[in-house]
Amino acid sequence: MVHELNQPLTAVLSYSQTAQRLIKQQQAEKAEPLLDAAVMQTRRISSLLLAFREKLHSDEQALQPVDLRQIWARVVILLSNEIERGKVSVINKIPESLPPVMASSLGIEQIFHNLLNNAIQAQQQTDKAWVAVSAIQTANRIILTVTDGGPGLSEQALQQVFMPFFTTKKDGLGLGMALTETLVQRYNGSIQAENSAPGGACFTLTFPLIQPEA
């Protein structure tokens, strides 16, 4: 998906930059075909995203009880090279007694992967980088939080972090957190972004508690 989107995005950027340069040079008539080409590529991106969205909704992954603590531990192993390279301290405060959530293990793994990877990348210039995950159970839901020791989210990021194509990364496409929100909502959950009191980013995820069968 990333490869398929990268090509038209690169084309749109190239066409737009060239058209901008021509307009500044008082050659607007030469810019029109480039802008038309950029529009066509943008429509292509829209079609790709629509197909991707339909795929997300059509893929009937069997939902099953998922152990959040176990999946988080697996993601930490998957990102062990990045964690070691960034000297990141990962703190797992998910209690062993936490009930499972009804979801897809691969989907939860993708959610955790996106959150942890973003937290690691946000702290590349931090001396004492850390990421902490914790969870509690209430009467009818599970609340999980992921916080980090980074610089936190800008006002713009707080408003647009889950929007497709919004990114603060130089080479990012801005699809990771949009996909994360889609997956969380698929499991009847919700996700919110804010900054913690010390200043780092904090993501709060809620999932409904599995109700016992009558």
C-alpha atoms as a PDB file:
ATOM      1  CA  MET A   1       0.000   0.000   0.000  1.00  0.00           C
ATOM      2  CA  VAL A   2       2.804   2.400   0.909  1.00  0.00           C
ATOM      3  CA  HIS A   3       4.598   1.634  -2.364  1.00  0.00           C
ATOM      4  CA  GLU A   4       1.417   2.167  -4.410  1.00  0.00           C
ATOM      5  CA  LEU A   5       0.757   5.532  -2.764  1.00  0.00           C
ATOM      6  CA  ASN A   6       4.336   6.749  -2.895  1.00  0.00           C
ATOM      7  CA  GLN A   7       4.445   6.943  -6.689  1.00  0.00           C
ATOM      8  CA  PRO A   8       1.396   9.207  -7.236  1.00  0.00           C
ATOM      9  CA  LEU A   9       2.318  11.314  -4.193  1.00  0.00           C
ATOM     10  CA  THR A  10       5.784  11.902  -5.607  1.00  0.00           C
ATOM     11  CA  ALA A  11       4.244  12.793  -8.969  1.00  0.00           C
ATOM     12  CA  VAL A  12       1.816  15.277  -7.408  1.00  0.00           C
ATOM     13  CA  LEU A  13       4.672  16.950  -5.557  1.00  0.00           C
ATOM     14  CA  SER A  14       6.806  17.161  -8.689  1.00  0.00           C
ATOM     15  CA  TYR A  15       3.983  18.509 -10.884  1.00  0.00           C
ATOM     16  CA  SER A  16       2.937  21.065  -8.260  1.00  0.00           C
ATOM     17  CA  GLN A  17       6.460  22.328  -7.619  1.00  0.00           C
ATOM     18  CA  THR A  18       7.148  22.718 -11.339  1.00  0.00           C
ATOM     19  CA  ALA A  19       3.816  24.503 -11.881  1.00  0.00           C
ATOM     20  CA  GLN A  20       4.559  26.813  -8.963  1.00  0.00           C
ATOM     21  CA  ARG A  21       7.918  27.683 -10.447  1.00  0.00           C
ATOM     22  CA  LEU A  22       6.399  28.395 -13.871  1.00  0.00           C
ATOM     23  CA  ILE A  23       3.723  30.643 -12.394  1.00  0.00           C
ATOM     24  CA  LYS A  24       6.396  32.645 -10.572  1.00  0.00           C
ATOM     25  CA  GLN A  25       8.189  32.992 -13.920  1.00  0.00           C
ATOM     26  CA  GLN A  26       5.042  34.436 -15.517  1.00  0.00           C
ATOM     27  CA  GLN A  27       4.515  31.276 -17.594  1.00  0.00           C
ATOM     28  CA  ALA A  28       1.144  30.262 -16.205  1.00  0.00           C
ATOM     29  CA  GLU A  29      -0.003  28.779 -19.535  1.00  0.00           C
ATOM     30  CA  LYS A  30       2.706  26.099 -19.246  1.00  0.00           C
ATOM     31  CA  ALA A  31       1.629  25.274 -15.704  1.00  0.00           C
ATOM     32  CA  GLU A  32      -1.946  24.283 -16.607  1.00  0.00           C
ATOM     33  CA  PRO A  33      -1.111  20.823 -18.037  1.00  0.00           C
ATOM     34  CA  LEU A  34       0.985  20.068 -14.965  1.00  0.00           C
ATOM     35  CA  LEU A  35      -1.852  21.013 -12.651  1.00  0.00           C
ATOM     36  CA  ASP A  36      -4.222  18.805 -14.668  1.00  0.00           C
ATOM     37  CA  ALA A  37      -1.766  15.929 -14.269  1.00  0.00           C
ATOM     38  CA  ALA A  38      -1.571  16.594 -10.516  1.00  0.00           C
ATOM     39  CA  VAL A  39      -5.375  16.436 -10.300  1.00  0.00           C
ATOM     40  CA  MET A  40      -5.368  13.079 -12.095  1.00  0.00           C
ATOM     41  CA  GLN A  41      -2.762  11.702  -9.698  1.00  0.00           C
ATOM     42  CA  THR A  42      -4.767  13.010  -6.715  1.00  0.00           C
ATOM     43  CA  ARG A  43      -7.828  11.158  -8.014  1.00  0.00           C
ATOM     44  CA  ARG A  44      -5.677   8.059  -8.311  1.00  0.00           C
ATOM     45  CA  ILE A  45      -4.672   8.439  -4.662  1.00  0.00           C
ATOM     46  CA  SER A  46      -8.325   8.826  -3.714  1.00  0.00           C
ATOM     47  CA  SER A  47      -9.178   5.604  -5.568  1.00  0.00           C
ATOM     48  CA  LEU A  48      -6.340   3.746  -3.857  1.00  0.00           C
ATOM     49  CA  LEU A  49      -7.473   4.937  -0.431  1.00  0.00           C
ATOM     50  CA  LEU A  50     -11.079   3.975  -1.189  1.00  0.00           C
ATOM     51  CA  ALA A  51      -9.959   0.503  -2.219  1.00  0.00           C
ATOM     52  CA  PHE A  52      -7.832   0.242   0.915  1.00  0.00           C
ATOM     53  CA  ARG A  53     -10.741   1.345   3.088  1.00  0.00           C
ATOM     54  CA  GLU A  54     -13.074  -1.189   1.484  1.00  0.00           C
ATOM     55  CA  LYS A  55     -10.476  -3.883   2.026  1.00  0.00           C
ATOM     56  CA  LEU A  56     -10.255  -3.007   5.710  1.00  0.00           C
ATOM     57  CA  HIS A  57     -14.000  -3.356   6.078  1.00  0.00           C
ATOM     58  CA  SER A  58     -14.326  -6.462   3.903  1.00  0.00           C
ATOM     59  CA  ASP A  59     -11.526  -8.459   5.507  1.00  0.00           C
ATOM     60  CA  GLU A  60     -13.480 -10.539   7.965  1.00  0.00           C
ATOM     61  CA  GLN A  61     -10.852 -11.333  10.521  1.00  0.00           C
ATOM     62  CA  ALA A  62     -12.256 -13.681  13.142  1.00  0.00           C
ATOM     63  CA  LEU A  63     -12.556 -11.769  16.391  1.00  0.00           C
ATOM     64  CA  GLN A  64     -11.381 -13.604  19.461  1.00  0.00           C
ATOM     65  CA  PRO A  65     -10.302 -12.855  23.039  1.00  0.00           C
ATOM     66  CA  VAL A  66      -6.905 -11.125  22.825  1.00  0.00           C
ATOM     67  CA  ASP A  67      -4.398 -10.739  25.666  1.00  0.00           C
ATOM     68  CA  LEU A  68      -3.168  -7.123  25.455  1.00  0.00           C
ATOM     69  CA  ARG A  69      -0.151  -7.719  27.686  1.00  0.00           C
ATOM     70  CA  GLN A  70       0.994 -10.626  25.510  1.00  0.00           C
ATOM     71  CA  ILE A  71       0.593  -8.689  22.257  1.00  0.00           C
ATOM     72  CA  TRP A  72       2.478  -5.681  23.651  1.00  0.00           C
ATOM     73  CA  ALA A  73       5.368  -7.936  24.663  1.00  0.00           C
ATOM     74  CA  ARG A  74       5.446  -9.365  21.141  1.00  0.00           C
ATOM     75  CA  VAL A  75       5.603  -5.896  19.579  1.00  0.00           C
ATOM     76  CA  VAL A  76       8.468  -4.927  21.896  1.00  0.00           C
ATOM     77  CA  ILE A  77      10.386  -7.918  20.537  1.00  0.00           C
ATOM     78  CA  LEU A  78       9.566  -6.937  16.939  1.00  0.00           C
ATOM     79  CA  LEU A  79      10.899  -3.425  17.553  1.00  0.00           C
ATOM     80  CA  SER A  80      13.830  -4.536  19.694  1.00  0.00           C
ATOM     81  CA  ASN A  81      16.433  -3.196  17.232  1.00  0.00           C
ATOM     82  CA  GLU A  82      14.829   0.255  17.189  1.00  0.00           C
ATOM     83  CA  ILE A  83      14.454   0.223  20.974  1.00  0.00           C
ATOM     84  CA  GLU A  84      18.095  -0.715  21.474  1.00  0.00           C
ATOM     85  CA  ARG A  85      19.330   1.789  18.896  1.00  0.00           C
ATOM     86  CA  GLY A  86      17.375   4.619  20.524  1.00  0.00           C
ATOM     87  CA  LYS A  87      18.240   3.470  24.068  1.00  0.00           C
ATOM     88  CA  VAL A  88      14.534   3.512  24.905  1.00  0.00           C
ATOM     89  CA  SER A  89      13.288   2.191  28.228  1.00  0.00           C
ATOM     90  CA  VAL A  90       9.979   0.363  27.685  1.00  0.00           C
ATOM     91  CA  ILE A  91       7.804  -0.009  30.777  1.00  0.00           C
ATOM     92  CA  ASN A  92       4.942  -2.507  30.713  1.00  0.00           C
ATOM     93  CA  LYS A  93       2.357  -1.849  33.423  1.00  0.00           C
ATOM     94  CA  ILE A  94      -0.432  -3.935  31.923  1.00  0.00           C
ATOM     95  CA  PRO A  95      -1.547  -6.200  34.789  1.00  0.00           C
ATOM     96  CA  GLU A  96      -1.450  -9.931  34.172  1.00  0.00           C
ATOM     97  CA  SER A  97      -5.000 -10.138  35.498  1.00  0.00           C
ATOM     98  CA  LEU A  98      -6.370  -7.789  32.819  1.00  0.00           C
ATOM     99  CA  PRO A  99      -9.261  -9.445  30.948  1.00  0.00           C
ATOM    100  CA  PRO A 100      -8.876  -9.969  27.185  1.00  0.00           C
ATOM    101  CA  VAL A 101     -10.578  -7.794  24.572  1.00  0.00           C
ATOM    102  CA  MET A 102     -12.562  -9.083  21.633  1.00  0.00           C
ATOM    103  CA  ALA A 103     -10.422  -8.257  18.613  1.00  0.00           C
ATOM    104  CA  SER A 104      -7.987  -9.619  16.056  1.00  0.00           C
ATOM    105  CA  SER A 105      -4.519 -10.345  17.427  1.00  0.00           C
ATOM    106  CA  LEU A 106      -2.958  -9.051  14.187  1.00  0.00           C
ATOM    107  CA  GLY A 107      -5.014  -5.869  14.411  1.00  0.00           C
ATOM    108  CA  ILE A 108      -3.998  -5.193  18.008  1.00  0.00           C
ATOM    109  CA  GLU A 109      -0.407  -5.928  17.056  1.00  0.00           C
ATOM    110  CA  GLN A 110      -0.601  -3.298  14.289  1.00  0.00           C
ATOM    111  CA  ILE A 111      -2.098  -0.748  16.703  1.00  0.00           C
ATOM    112  CA  PHE A 112       0.640  -1.308  19.278  1.00  0.00           C
ATOM    113  CA  HIS A 113       3.337  -1.341  16.601  1.00  0.00           C
ATOM    114  CA  ASN A 114       2.259   2.067  15.284  1.00  0.00           C
ATOM    115  CA  LEU A 115       2.052   3.614  18.751  1.00  0.00           C
ATOM    116  CA  LEU A 116       5.368   2.238  19.995  1.00  0.00           C
ATOM    117  CA  ASN A 117       7.237   2.992  16.774  1.00  0.00           C
ATOM    118  CA  ASN A 118       5.959   6.583  16.759  1.00  0.00           C
ATOM    119  CA  ALA A 119       7.000   7.031  20.393  1.00  0.00           C
ATOM    120  CA  ILE A 120      10.485   5.742  19.611  1.00  0.00           C
ATOM    121  CA  GLN A 121      10.890   8.032  16.606  1.00  0.00           C
ATOM    122  CA  ALA A 122       9.615  11.042  18.558  1.00  0.00           C
ATOM    123  CA  GLN A 123      12.480  10.645  21.031  1.00  0.00           C
ATOM    124  CA  GLN A 124      15.448  10.392  18.697  1.00  0.00           C
ATOM    125  CA  GLN A 125      16.895  13.578  20.199  1.00  0.00           C
ATOM    126  CA  THR A 126      16.037  12.640  23.793  1.00  0.00           C
ATOM    127  CA  ASP A 127      18.731  11.582  26.256  1.00  0.00           C
ATOM    128  CA  LYS A 128      16.472   9.463  28.463  1.00  0.00           C
ATOM    129  CA  ALA A 129      13.849   8.060  26.127  1.00  0.00           C
ATOM    130  CA  TRP A 130      11.045   5.971  27.572  1.00  0.00           C
ATOM    131  CA  VAL A 131       7.643   4.569  26.690  1.00  0.00           C
ATOM    132  CA  ALA A 132       5.144   3.310  29.249  1.00  0.00           C
ATOM    133  CA  VAL A 133       1.955   1.336  28.708  1.00  0.00           C
ATOM    134  CA  SER A 134      -0.636   0.771  31.408  1.00  0.00           C
ATOM    135  CA  ALA A 135      -4.198  -0.497  31.558  1.00  0.00           C
ATOM    136  CA  ILE A 136      -7.104  -0.632  33.976  1.00  0.00           C
ATOM    137  CA  GLN A 137     -10.464  -2.353  33.998  1.00  0.00           C
ATOM    138  CA  THR A 138     -13.698  -0.539  34.816  1.00  0.00           C
ATOM    139  CA  ALA A 139     -17.225  -1.886  35.095  1.00  0.00           C
ATOM    140  CA  ASN A 140     -17.724  -2.157  31.339  1.00  0.00           C
ATOM    141  CA  ARG A 141     -14.492  -1.346  29.561  1.00  0.00           C
ATOM    142  CA  ILE A 142     -10.717  -1.566  29.454  1.00  0.00           C
ATOM    143  CA  ILE A 143      -8.725   1.670  29.349  1.00  0.00           C
ATOM    144  CA  LEU A 144      -5.174   1.482  28.031  1.00  0.00           C
ATOM    145  CA  THR A 145      -2.711   4.362  27.881  1.00  0.00           C
ATOM    146  CA  VAL A 146       0.588   4.716  26.038  1.00  0.00           C
ATOM    147  CA  THR A 147       2.778   7.627  27.125  1.00  0.00           C
ATOM    148  CA  ASP A 148       6.309   8.666  26.221  1.00  0.00           C
ATOM    149  CA  GLY A 149       9.055  11.040  27.260  1.00  0.00           C
ATOM    150  CA  GLY A 150       9.172  12.944  23.985  1.00  0.00           C
ATOM    151  CA  PRO A 151       8.383  16.576  23.213  1.00  0.00           C
ATOM    152  CA  GLY A 152       4.656  15.922  22.935  1.00  0.00           C
ATOM    153  CA  LEU A 153       2.225  16.801  20.168  1.00  0.00           C
ATOM    154  CA  SER A 154       1.840  20.255  18.662  1.00  0.00           C
ATOM    155  CA  GLU A 155      -1.569  21.924  18.651  1.00  0.00           C
ATOM    156  CA  GLN A 156      -1.919  21.027  14.978  1.00  0.00           C
ATOM    157  CA  ALA A 157      -0.987  17.409  15.633  1.00  0.00           C
ATOM    158  CA  LEU A 158      -3.509  17.150  18.468  1.00  0.00           C
ATOM    159  CA  GLN A 159      -6.230  18.192  16.027  1.00  0.00           C
ATOM    160  CA  GLN A 160      -5.116  16.192  12.982  1.00  0.00           C
ATOM    161  CA  VAL A 161      -3.073  13.214  14.197  1.00  0.00           C
ATOM    162  CA  PHE A 162      -5.698  10.702  13.008  1.00  0.00           C
ATOM    163  CA  MET A 163      -6.295  12.360   9.641  1.00  0.00           C
ATOM    164  CA  PRO A 164      -4.910  10.567   6.551  1.00  0.00           C
ATOM    165  CA  PHE A 165      -1.717  12.150   5.157  1.00  0.00           C
ATOM    166  CA  PHE A 166      -1.030  14.238   8.255  1.00  0.00           C
ATOM    167  CA  THR A 167       2.536  13.614   9.350  1.00  0.00           C
ATOM    168  CA  THR A 168       5.393  15.364  11.101  1.00  0.00           C
ATOM    169  CA  LYS A 169       7.959  12.925   9.699  1.00  0.00           C
ATOM    170  CA  LYS A 170      10.149  13.979   6.791  1.00  0.00           C
ATOM    171  CA  ASP A 171       9.525  10.783   4.821  1.00  0.00           C
ATOM    172  CA  GLY A 172       6.194   9.789   6.370  1.00  0.00           C
ATOM    173  CA  LEU A 173       2.972   9.253   4.455  1.00  0.00           C
ATOM    174  CA  GLY A 174       0.684  10.016   7.382  1.00  0.00           C
ATOM    175  CA  LEU A 175      -1.345   6.797   7.217  1.00  0.00           C
ATOM    176  CA  GLY A 176      -0.201   4.956  10.348  1.00  0.00           C
ATOM    177  CA  MET A 177      -2.383   6.724  12.898  1.00  0.00           C
ATOM    178  CA  ALA A 178      -5.348   6.881  10.536  1.00  0.00           C
ATOM    179  CA  LEU A 179      -5.118   3.100  10.234  1.00  0.00           C
ATOM    180  CA  THR A 180      -4.727   2.815  14.007  1.00  0.00           C
ATOM    181  CA  GLU A 181      -7.968   4.704  14.605  1.00  0.00           C
ATOM    182  CA  THR A 182      -9.777   2.592  11.996  1.00  0.00           C
ATOM    183  CA  LEU A 183      -8.650  -0.618  13.672  1.00  0.00           C
ATOM    184  CA  VAL A 184      -9.565   0.578  17.176  1.00  0.00           C
ATOM    185  CA  GLN A 185     -13.035   1.566  15.985  1.00  0.00           C
ATOM    186  CA  ARG A 186     -13.429  -1.779  14.261  1.00  0.00           C
ATOM    187  CA  TYR A 187     -13.190  -3.386  17.695  1.00  0.00           C
ATOM    188  CA  ASN A 188     -15.864  -0.997  19.028  1.00  0.00           C
ATOM    189  CA  GLY A 189     -13.209   1.044  20.806  1.00  0.00           C
ATOM    190  CA  SER A 190     -11.995   4.621  20.744  1.00  0.00           C
ATOM    191  CA  ILE A 191      -8.630   6.393  20.809  1.00  0.00           C
ATOM    192  CA  GLN A 192      -7.708   9.896  21.951  1.00  0.00           C
ATOM    193  CA  ALA A 193      -4.477  11.879  21.805  1.00  0.00           C
ATOM    194  CA  GLU A 194      -3.270  14.442  24.307  1.00  0.00           C
ATOM    195  CA  ASN A 195      -0.109  15.590  26.028  1.00  0.00           C
ATOM    196  CA  SER A 196       0.700  14.334  29.512  1.00  0.00           C
ATOM    197  CA  ALA A 197       1.580  16.702  32.354  1.00  0.00           C
ATOM    198  CA  PRO A 198       5.364  16.178  31.949  1.00  0.00           C
ATOM    199  CA  GLY A 199       5.029  17.059  28.261  1.00  0.00           C
ATOM    200  CA  GLY A 200       5.133  13.774  26.357  1.00  0.00           C
ATOM    201  CA  ALA A 201       2.444  12.371  24.095  1.00  0.00           C
ATOM    202  CA  CYS A 202      -0.308  10.268  25.637  1.00  0.00           C
ATOM    203  CA  PHE A 203      -2.685   8.024  23.704  1.00  0.00           C
ATOM    204  CA  THR A 204      -5.713   6.614  25.502  1.00  0.00           C
ATOM    205  CA  LEU A 205      -7.504   3.607  24.028  1.00  0.00           C
ATOM    206  CA  THR A 206     -10.758   2.164  25.328  1.00  0.00           C
ATOM    207  CA  PHE A 207     -12.239  -1.221  24.476  1.00  0.00           C
ATOM    208  CA  PRO A 208     -15.521  -2.713  25.643  1.00  0.00           C
ATOM    209  CA  LEU A 209     -15.246  -5.442  28.234  1.00  0.00           C
ATOM    210  CA  ILE A 210     -16.267  -8.874  27.018  1.00  0.00           C
ATOM    211  CA  GLN A 211     -19.653  -9.545  28.514  1.00  0.00           C
ATOM    212  CA  PRO A 212     -20.265 -13.042  29.890  1.00  0.00           C
ATOM    213  CA  GLU A 213     -22.841 -15.053  28.007  1.00  0.00           C
ATOM    214  CA  ALA A 214     -26.199 -15.297  29.702  1.00  0.00           C
END
